[in-house]
């Protein structure tokens, strides 16, 4: 264990949602299947939290920030899921 940026899976997921770190196929090469499952769980948890936040309709900047976070999380989850599926077959 130990490839997580920031030291742990929750820290890495937080960095992804804030836009400090982008997940791609190359960044996941050294991860074990268990570590991939852990980061996927953390990303899904953060995605639920971000989707639950509803800024006021008048606050366009807050809406945009929320949508960017959801977009980053969705993209990261797609990459992690694809990497997990690729390792199983």
PDB file of N, CA and C in Angstrom:
ATOM      1  N   UNK A   1       0.843  -1.182   0.000  1.00  0.00           N
ATOM      2  CA  UNK A   1       0.000   0.000   0.000  1.00  0.00           C
ATOM      3  C   UNK A   1       0.884   1.240   0.000  1.00  0.00           C
ATOM      4  N   UNK A   2       0.416   2.314  -0.600  1.00  0.00           N
ATOM      5  CA  UNK A   2       1.187   3.525  -0.484  1.00  0.00           C
ATOM      6  C   UNK A   2       1.338   4.349  -1.736  1.00  0.00           C
ATOM      7  N   UNK A   3       0.641   4.044  -2.806  1.00  0.00           N
ATOM      8  CA  UNK A   3       0.765   4.831  -4.021  1.00  0.00           C
ATOM      9  C   UNK A   3      -0.162   6.036  -4.041  1.00  0.00           C
ATOM     10  N   UNK A   4      -0.955   6.195  -2.999  1.00  0.00           N
ATOM     11  CA  UNK A   4      -1.943   7.270  -3.001  1.00  0.00           C
ATOM     12  C   UNK A   4      -1.282   8.636  -2.912  1.00  0.00           C
ATOM     13  N   UNK A   5      -1.710   9.539  -3.775  1.00  0.00           N
ATOM     14  CA  UNK A   5      -1.240  10.917  -3.724  1.00  0.00           C
ATOM     15  C   UNK A   5      -1.890  11.556  -2.498  1.00  0.00           C
ATOM     16  N   UNK A   6      -1.107  12.152  -1.658  1.00  0.00           N
ATOM     17  CA  UNK A   6      -1.628  12.743  -0.441  1.00  0.00           C
ATOM     18  C   UNK A   6      -1.551  11.799   0.741  1.00  0.00           C
ATOM     19  N   UNK A   7      -1.181  10.549   0.501  1.00  0.00           N
ATOM     20  CA  UNK A   7      -0.960   9.612   1.582  1.00  0.00           C
ATOM     21  C   UNK A   7      -2.067   8.613   1.838  1.00  0.00           C
ATOM     22  N   UNK A   8      -3.307   8.916   1.426  1.00  0.00           N
ATOM     23  CA  UNK A   8      -4.410   7.987   1.657  1.00  0.00           C
ATOM     24  C   UNK A   8      -5.446   8.129   0.541  1.00  0.00           C
ATOM     25  N   UNK A   9      -6.328   7.150   0.464  1.00  0.00           N
ATOM     26  CA  UNK A   9      -7.375   7.194  -0.560  1.00  0.00           C
ATOM     27  C   UNK A   9      -8.317   8.384  -0.374  1.00  0.00           C
ATOM     28  N   UNK A  10      -8.761   8.689   0.863  1.00  0.00           N
ATOM     29  CA  UNK A  10      -9.628   9.871   1.016  1.00  0.00           C
ATOM     30  C   UNK A  10      -8.929  11.178   0.636  1.00  0.00           C
ATOM     31  N   UNK A  11      -7.645  11.288   0.958  1.00  0.00           N
ATOM     32  CA  UNK A  11      -6.905  12.507   0.600  1.00  0.00           C
ATOM     33  C   UNK A  11      -6.764  12.619  -0.914  1.00  0.00           C
ATOM     34  N   UNK A  12      -6.510  11.509  -1.566  1.00  0.00           N
ATOM     35  CA  UNK A  12      -6.374  11.518  -3.023  1.00  0.00           C
ATOM     36  C   UNK A  12      -7.709  11.897  -3.678  1.00  0.00           C
ATOM     37  N   UNK A  13      -8.803  11.336  -3.172  1.00  0.00           N
ATOM     38  CA  UNK A  13     -10.122  11.653  -3.724  1.00  0.00           C
ATOM     39  C   UNK A  13     -10.447  13.135  -3.534  1.00  0.00           C
ATOM     40  N   UNK A  14     -10.072  13.686  -2.397  1.00  0.00           N
ATOM     41  CA  UNK A  14     -10.299  15.114  -2.145  1.00  0.00           C
ATOM     42  C   UNK A  14      -9.491  15.962  -3.110  1.00  0.00           C
ATOM     43  N   UNK A  15      -8.255  15.557  -3.399  1.00  0.00           N
ATOM     44  CA  UNK A  15      -7.438  16.306  -4.348  1.00  0.00           C
ATOM     45  C   UNK A  15      -8.024  16.232  -5.753  1.00  0.00           C
ATOM     46  N   UNK A  16      -8.620  15.110  -6.097  1.00  0.00           N
ATOM     47  CA  UNK A  16      -9.259  14.977  -7.413  1.00  0.00           C
ATOM     48  C   UNK A  16     -10.456  15.914  -7.500  1.00  0.00           C
ATOM     49  N   UNK A  17     -11.304  15.916  -6.476  1.00  0.00           N
ATOM     50  CA  UNK A  17     -12.513  16.744  -6.526  1.00  0.00           C
ATOM     51  C   UNK A  17     -12.172  18.229  -6.550  1.00  0.00           C
ATOM     52  N   UNK A  18     -11.089  18.624  -5.924  1.00  0.00           N
ATOM     53  CA  UNK A  18     -10.693  20.032  -5.923  1.00  0.00           C
ATOM     54  C   UNK A  18      -9.912  20.424  -7.176  1.00  0.00           C
ATOM     55  N   UNK A  19      -9.526  19.456  -7.989  1.00  0.00           N
ATOM     56  CA  UNK A  19      -8.840  19.749  -9.240  1.00  0.00           C
ATOM     57  C   UNK A  19      -7.332  19.817  -9.129  1.00  0.00           C
ATOM     58  N   UNK A  20      -6.768  19.401  -8.006  1.00  0.00           N
ATOM     59  CA  UNK A  20      -5.317  19.440  -7.826  1.00  0.00           C
ATOM     60  C   UNK A  20      -4.624  18.243  -8.467  1.00  0.00           C
ATOM     61  N   UNK A  21      -5.365  17.159  -8.693  1.00  0.00           N
ATOM     62  CA  UNK A  21      -4.786  15.931  -9.232  1.00  0.00           C
ATOM     63  C   UNK A  21      -5.783  15.315 -10.193  1.00  0.00           C
ATOM     64  N   UNK A  22      -5.316  14.922 -11.360  1.00  0.00           N
ATOM     65  CA  UNK A  22      -6.175  14.273 -12.338  1.00  0.00           C
ATOM     66  C   UNK A  22      -5.779  12.811 -12.465  1.00  0.00           C
ATOM     67  N   UNK A  23      -6.770  11.955 -12.470  1.00  0.00           N
ATOM     68  CA  UNK A  23      -6.523  10.521 -12.593  1.00  0.00           C
ATOM     69  C   UNK A  23      -6.572  10.151 -14.067  1.00  0.00           C
ATOM     70  N   UNK A  24      -5.556   9.407 -14.498  1.00  0.00           N
ATOM     71  CA  UNK A  24      -5.570   8.833 -15.840  1.00  0.00           C
ATOM     72  C   UNK A  24      -4.987   7.426 -15.778  1.00  0.00           C
ATOM     73  N   UNK A  25      -4.965   6.766 -16.891  1.00  0.00           N
ATOM     74  CA  UNK A  25      -4.521   5.372 -16.931  1.00  0.00           C
ATOM     75  C   UNK A  25      -3.087   5.228 -16.430  1.00  0.00           C
ATOM     76  N   UNK A  26      -2.234   6.149 -16.774  1.00  0.00           N
ATOM     77  CA  UNK A  26      -0.830   6.051 -16.373  1.00  0.00           C
ATOM     78  C   UNK A  26      -0.629   6.257 -14.880  1.00  0.00           C
ATOM     79  N   UNK A  27      -1.437   7.100 -14.252  1.00  0.00           N
ATOM     80  CA  UNK A  27      -1.271   7.317 -12.814  1.00  0.00           C
ATOM     81  C   UNK A  27      -1.746   6.123 -12.001  1.00  0.00           C
ATOM     82  N   UNK A  28      -2.521   5.237 -12.613  1.00  0.00           N
ATOM     83  CA  UNK A  28      -3.059   4.084 -11.894  1.00  0.00           C
ATOM     84  C   UNK A  28      -2.262   2.801 -12.131  1.00  0.00           C
ATOM     85  N   UNK A  29      -1.194   2.874 -12.884  1.00  0.00           N
ATOM     86  CA  UNK A  29      -0.441   1.670 -13.227  1.00  0.00           C
ATOM     87  C   UNK A  29       0.083   0.911 -12.014  1.00  0.00           C
ATOM     88  N   UNK A  30       0.559   1.593 -10.995  1.00  0.00           N
ATOM     89  CA  UNK A  30       1.157   0.929  -9.849  1.00  0.00           C
ATOM     90  C   UNK A  30       0.171   0.490  -8.776  1.00  0.00           C
ATOM     91  N   UNK A  31      -1.101   0.718  -8.989  1.00  0.00           N
ATOM     92  CA  UNK A  31      -2.098   0.393  -7.977  1.00  0.00           C
ATOM     93  C   UNK A  31      -2.520  -1.072  -8.048  1.00  0.00           C
ATOM     94  N   UNK A  32      -2.709  -1.678  -6.898  1.00  0.00           N
ATOM     95  CA  UNK A  32      -3.221  -3.047  -6.825  1.00  0.00           C
ATOM     96  C   UNK A  32      -4.742  -3.002  -6.983  1.00  0.00           C
ATOM     97  N   UNK A  33      -5.364  -4.136  -7.280  1.00  0.00           N
ATOM     98  CA  UNK A  33      -6.833  -4.149  -7.383  1.00  0.00           C
ATOM     99  C   UNK A  33      -7.524  -3.683  -6.098  1.00  0.00           C
ATOM    100  N   UNK A  34      -6.961  -4.016  -4.950  1.00  0.00           N
ATOM    101  CA  UNK A  34      -7.544  -3.558  -3.686  1.00  0.00           C
ATOM    102  C   UNK A  34      -7.466  -2.055  -3.530  1.00  0.00           C
ATOM    103  N   UNK A  35      -6.346  -1.473  -3.921  1.00  0.00           N
ATOM    104  CA  UNK A  35      -6.189  -0.021  -3.853  1.00  0.00           C
ATOM    105  C   UNK A  35      -7.124   0.677  -4.829  1.00  0.00           C
ATOM    106  N   UNK A  36      -7.305   0.087  -6.006  1.00  0.00           N
ATOM    107  CA  UNK A  36      -8.239   0.668  -6.973  1.00  0.00           C
ATOM    108  C   UNK A  36      -9.663   0.646  -6.427  1.00  0.00           C
ATOM    109  N   UNK A  37     -10.035  -0.441  -5.774  1.00  0.00           N
ATOM    110  CA  UNK A  37     -11.361  -0.531  -5.164  1.00  0.00           C
ATOM    111  C   UNK A  37     -11.547   0.500  -4.067  1.00  0.00           C
ATOM    112  N   UNK A  38     -10.487   0.728  -3.309  1.00  0.00           N
ATOM    113  CA  UNK A  38     -10.547   1.712  -2.226  1.00  0.00           C
ATOM    114  C   UNK A  38     -10.709   3.129  -2.764  1.00  0.00           C
ATOM    115  N   UNK A  39      -9.956   3.476  -3.789  1.00  0.00           N
ATOM    116  CA  UNK A  39     -10.081   4.822  -4.357  1.00  0.00           C
ATOM    117  C   UNK A  39     -11.444   4.994  -5.036  1.00  0.00           C
ATOM    118  N   UNK A  40     -11.955   3.933  -5.651  1.00  0.00           N
ATOM    119  CA  UNK A  40     -13.275   4.009  -6.277  1.00  0.00           C
ATOM    120  C   UNK A  40     -14.350   4.258  -5.218  1.00  0.00           C
ATOM    121  N   UNK A  41     -14.249   3.582  -4.081  1.00  0.00           N
ATOM    122  CA  UNK A  41     -15.203   3.777  -2.993  1.00  0.00           C
ATOM    123  C   UNK A  41     -15.169   5.216  -2.485  1.00  0.00           C
ATOM    124  N   UNK A  42     -13.971   5.758  -2.316  1.00  0.00           N
ATOM    125  CA  UNK A  42     -13.839   7.136  -1.824  1.00  0.00           C
ATOM    126  C   UNK A  42     -14.382   8.145  -2.840  1.00  0.00           C
ATOM    127  N   UNK A  43     -14.124   7.905  -4.116  1.00  0.00           N
ATOM    128  CA  UNK A  43     -14.642   8.804  -5.154  1.00  0.00           C
ATOM    129  C   UNK A  43     -16.166   8.772  -5.190  1.00  0.00           C
ATOM    130  N   UNK A  44     -16.742   7.575  -5.062  1.00  0.00           N
ATOM    131  CA  UNK A  44     -18.198   7.454  -5.062  1.00  0.00           C
ATOM    132  C   UNK A  44     -18.814   8.149  -3.847  1.00  0.00           C
ATOM    133  N   UNK A  45     -18.150   8.037  -2.695  1.00  0.00           N
ATOM    134  CA  UNK A  45     -18.641   8.702  -1.487  1.00  0.00           C
ATOM    135  C   UNK A  45     -18.626  10.220  -1.668  1.00  0.00           C
ATOM    136  N   UNK A  46     -17.531  10.747  -2.215  1.00  0.00           N
ATOM    137  CA  UNK A  46     -17.449  12.188  -2.455  1.00  0.00           C
ATOM    138  C   UNK A  46     -18.467  12.639  -3.493  1.00  0.00           C
ATOM    139  N   UNK A  47     -18.704  11.799  -4.493  1.00  0.00           N
ATOM    140  CA  UNK A  47     -19.674  12.158  -5.518  1.00  0.00           C
ATOM    141  C   UNK A  47     -21.071  12.299  -4.905  1.00  0.00           C
ATOM    142  N   UNK A  48     -21.430  11.383  -4.003  1.00  0.00           N
ATOM    143  CA  UNK A  48     -22.723  11.492  -3.329  1.00  0.00           C
ATOM    144  C   UNK A  48     -22.803  12.771  -2.501  1.00  0.00           C
ATOM    145  N   UNK A  49     -21.716  13.109  -1.806  1.00  0.00           N
ATOM    146  CA  UNK A  49     -21.701  14.318  -0.986  1.00  0.00           C
ATOM    147  C   UNK A  49     -21.848  15.585  -1.837  1.00  0.00           C
ATOM    148  N   UNK A  50     -21.129  15.637  -2.950  1.00  0.00           N
ATOM    149  CA  UNK A  50     -21.181  16.825  -3.809  1.00  0.00           C
ATOM    150  C   UNK A  50     -22.556  16.956  -4.452  1.00  0.00           C
ATOM    151  N   UNK A  51     -23.122  15.841  -4.892  1.00  0.00           N
ATOM    152  CA  UNK A  51     -24.458  15.898  -5.496  1.00  0.00           C
ATOM    153  C   UNK A  51     -25.529  16.311  -4.496  1.00  0.00           C
ATOM    154  N   UNK A  52     -25.305  16.014  -3.214  1.00  0.00           N
ATOM    155  CA  UNK A  52     -26.281  16.375  -2.182  1.00  0.00           C
ATOM    156  C   UNK A  52     -26.281  17.865  -1.889  1.00  0.00           C
ATOM    157  N   UNK A  53     -25.182  18.543  -2.183  1.00  0.00           N
ATOM    158  CA  UNK A  53     -25.107  19.988  -1.955  1.00  0.00           C
ATOM    159  C   UNK A  53     -25.862  20.706  -3.066  1.00  0.00           C
ATOM    160  N   UNK A  54     -26.776  21.569  -2.680  1.00  0.00           N
ATOM    161  CA  UNK A  54     -27.531  22.324  -3.678  1.00  0.00           C
ATOM    162  C   UNK A  54     -27.397  23.815  -3.391  1.00  0.00           C
ATOM    163  N   UNK A  55     -26.519  24.480  -4.137  1.00  0.00           N
ATOM    164  CA  UNK A  55     -26.383  25.926  -3.951  1.00  0.00           C
ATOM    165  C   UNK A  55     -27.630  26.653  -4.466  1.00  0.00           C
ATOM    166  N   UNK A  56     -27.836  27.877  -4.017  1.00  0.00           N
ATOM    167  CA  UNK A  56     -28.998  28.642  -4.478  1.00  0.00           C
ATOM    168  C   UNK A  56     -28.984  28.809  -6.004  1.00  0.00           C
ATOM    169  N   UNK A  57     -30.156  28.840  -6.584  1.00  0.00           N
ATOM    170  CA  UNK A  57     -30.285  28.976  -8.037  1.00  0.00           C
ATOM    171  C   UNK A  57     -29.700  30.284  -8.551  1.00  0.00           C
ATOM    172  N   UNK A  58     -29.692  31.318  -7.708  1.00  0.00           N
ATOM    173  CA  UNK A  58     -29.189  32.617  -8.136  1.00  0.00           C
ATOM    174  C   UNK A  58     -27.665  32.670  -8.158  1.00  0.00           C
ATOM    175  N   UNK A  59     -27.014  31.760  -7.472  1.00  0.00           N
ATOM    176  CA  UNK A  59     -25.559  31.764  -7.344  1.00  0.00           C
ATOM    177  C   UNK A  59     -24.930  30.940  -8.480  1.00  0.00           C
ATOM    178  N   UNK A  60     -24.697  31.596  -9.592  1.00  0.00           N
ATOM    179  CA  UNK A  60     -24.170  30.914 -10.773  1.00  0.00           C
ATOM    180  C   UNK A  60     -22.762  30.365 -10.546  1.00  0.00           C
ATOM    181  N   UNK A  61     -21.922  31.095  -9.811  1.00  0.00           N
ATOM    182  CA  UNK A  61     -20.558  30.634  -9.560  1.00  0.00           C
ATOM    183  C   UNK A  61     -20.538  29.365  -8.714  1.00  0.00           C
ATOM    184  N   UNK A  62     -21.408  29.295  -7.727  1.00  0.00           N
ATOM    185  CA  UNK A  62     -21.482  28.093  -6.897  1.00  0.00           C
ATOM    186  C   UNK A  62     -22.003  26.912  -7.707  1.00  0.00           C
ATOM    187  N   UNK A  63     -22.955  27.161  -8.586  1.00  0.00           N
ATOM    188  CA  UNK A  63     -23.474  26.104  -9.461  1.00  0.00           C
ATOM    189  C   UNK A  63     -22.368  25.573 -10.380  1.00  0.00           C
ATOM    190  N   UNK A  64     -21.582  26.494 -10.940  1.00  0.00           N
ATOM    191  CA  UNK A  64     -20.488  26.092 -11.822  1.00  0.00           C
ATOM    192  C   UNK A  64     -19.434  25.291 -11.070  1.00  0.00           C
ATOM    193  N   UNK A  65     -19.093  25.711  -9.866  1.00  0.00           N
ATOM    194  CA  UNK A  65     -18.102  24.993  -9.051  1.00  0.00           C
ATOM    195  C   UNK A  65     -18.594  23.580  -8.731  1.00  0.00           C
ATOM    196  N   UNK A  66     -19.863  23.462  -8.383  1.00  0.00           N
ATOM    197  CA  UNK A  66     -20.439  22.141  -8.094  1.00  0.00           C
ATOM    198  C   UNK A  66     -20.404  21.250  -9.338  1.00  0.00           C
ATOM    199  N   UNK A  67     -20.769  21.804 -10.471  1.00  0.00           N
ATOM    200  CA  UNK A  67     -20.778  21.030 -11.708  1.00  0.00           C
ATOM    201  C   UNK A  67     -19.369  20.599 -12.112  1.00  0.00           C
ATOM    202  N   UNK A  68     -18.374  21.451 -11.877  1.00  0.00           N
ATOM    203  CA  UNK A  68     -16.990  21.074 -12.179  1.00  0.00           C
ATOM    204  C   UNK A  68     -16.538  19.917 -11.290  1.00  0.00           C
ATOM    205  N   UNK A  69     -16.905  19.963 -10.021  1.00  0.00           N
ATOM    206  CA  UNK A  69     -16.549  18.879  -9.106  1.00  0.00           C
ATOM    207  C   UNK A  69     -17.194  17.564  -9.541  1.00  0.00           C
ATOM    208  N   UNK A  70     -18.463  17.619  -9.900  1.00  0.00           N
ATOM    209  CA  UNK A  70     -19.166  16.418 -10.352  1.00  0.00           C
ATOM    210  C   UNK A  70     -18.519  15.881 -11.624  1.00  0.00           C
ATOM    211  N   UNK A  71     -18.141  16.767 -12.517  1.00  0.00           N
ATOM    212  CA  UNK A  71     -17.494  16.356 -13.761  1.00  0.00           C
ATOM    213  C   UNK A  71     -16.151  15.667 -13.494  1.00  0.00           C
ATOM    214  N   UNK A  72     -15.345  16.252 -12.610  1.00  0.00           N
ATOM    215  CA  UNK A  72     -14.055  15.649 -12.270  1.00  0.00           C
ATOM    216  C   UNK A  72     -14.235  14.271 -11.645  1.00  0.00           C
ATOM    217  N   UNK A  73     -15.194  14.163 -10.743  1.00  0.00           N
ATOM    218  CA  UNK A  73     -15.446  12.881 -10.085  1.00  0.00           C
ATOM    219  C   UNK A  73     -15.947  11.838 -11.072  1.00  0.00           C
ATOM    220  N   UNK A  74     -16.837  12.220 -11.959  1.00  0.00           N
ATOM    221  CA  UNK A  74     -17.363  11.278 -12.949  1.00  0.00           C
ATOM    222  C   UNK A  74     -16.258  10.764 -13.866  1.00  0.00           C
ATOM    223  N   UNK A  75     -15.408  11.669 -14.312  1.00  0.00           N
ATOM    224  CA  UNK A  75     -14.301  11.272 -15.189  1.00  0.00           C
ATOM    225  C   UNK A  75     -13.334  10.347 -14.453  1.00  0.00           C
ATOM    226  N   UNK A  76     -13.015  10.672 -13.207  1.00  0.00           N
ATOM    227  CA  UNK A  76     -12.098   9.839 -12.427  1.00  0.00           C
ATOM    228  C   UNK A  76     -12.705   8.459 -12.186  1.00  0.00           C
ATOM    229  N   UNK A  77     -13.993   8.406 -11.898  1.00  0.00           N
ATOM    230  CA  UNK A  77     -14.647   7.114 -11.680  1.00  0.00           C
ATOM    231  C   UNK A  77     -14.654   6.262 -12.944  1.00  0.00           C
ATOM    232  N   UNK A  78     -14.827   6.887 -14.094  1.00  0.00           N
ATOM    233  CA  UNK A  78     -14.786   6.140 -15.348  1.00  0.00           C
ATOM    234  C   UNK A  78     -13.415   5.530 -15.579  1.00  0.00           C
ATOM    235  N   UNK A  79     -12.362   6.297 -15.319  1.00  0.00           N
ATOM    236  CA  UNK A  79     -11.002   5.803 -15.521  1.00  0.00           C
ATOM    237  C   UNK A  79     -10.692   4.670 -14.547  1.00  0.00           C
ATOM    238  N   UNK A  80     -11.059   4.844 -13.283  1.00  0.00           N
ATOM    239  CA  UNK A  80     -10.793   3.816 -12.274  1.00  0.00           C
ATOM    240  C   UNK A  80     -11.591   2.551 -12.592  1.00  0.00           C
ATOM    241  N   UNK A  81     -12.847   2.701 -12.957  1.00  0.00           N
ATOM    242  CA  UNK A  81     -13.674   1.543 -13.302  1.00  0.00           C
ATOM    243  C   UNK A  81     -13.105   0.800 -14.506  1.00  0.00           C
ATOM    244  N   UNK A  82     -12.656   1.522 -15.494  1.00  0.00           N
ATOM    245  CA  UNK A  82     -12.063   0.893 -16.683  1.00  0.00           C
ATOM    246  C   UNK A  82     -10.781   0.137 -16.303  1.00  0.00           C
ATOM    247  N   UNK A  83     -10.006   0.715 -15.411  1.00  0.00           N
ATOM    248  CA  UNK A  83      -8.764   0.065 -14.966  1.00  0.00           C
ATOM    249  C   UNK A  83      -9.098  -1.211 -14.181  1.00  0.00           C
ATOM    250  N   UNK A  84     -10.114  -1.170 -13.348  1.00  0.00           N
ATOM    251  CA  UNK A  84     -10.520  -2.366 -12.596  1.00  0.00           C
ATOM    252  C   UNK A  84     -10.995  -3.453 -13.550  1.00  0.00           C
ATOM    253  N   UNK A  85     -11.798  -3.093 -14.519  1.00  0.00           N
ATOM    254  CA  UNK A  85     -12.297  -4.078 -15.474  1.00  0.00           C
ATOM    255  C   UNK A  85     -11.179  -4.646 -16.325  1.00  0.00           C
ATOM    256  N   UNK A  86     -10.211  -3.835 -16.666  1.00  0.00           N
ATOM    257  CA  UNK A  86      -9.084  -4.293 -17.463  1.00  0.00           C
ATOM    258  C   UNK A  86      -8.215  -5.290 -16.733  1.00  0.00           C
ATOM    259  N   UNK A  87      -8.135  -5.168 -15.425  1.00  0.00           N
ATOM    260  CA  UNK A  87      -7.321  -6.082 -14.634  1.00  0.00           C
ATOM    261  C   UNK A  87      -8.018  -7.417 -14.410  1.00  0.00           C
ATOM    262  N   UNK A  88      -9.306  -7.449 -14.501  1.00  0.00           N
ATOM    263  CA  UNK A  88     -10.040  -8.702 -14.245  1.00  0.00           C
ATOM    264  C   UNK A  88      -9.983  -9.637 -15.438  1.00  0.00           C
ATOM    265  N   UNK A  89      -9.813  -9.097 -16.627  1.00  0.00           N
ATOM    266  CA  UNK A  89      -9.867  -9.951 -17.820  1.00  0.00           C
ATOM    267  C   UNK A  89      -8.522 -10.145 -18.432  1.00  0.00           C
TER     268      UNK A  89
END
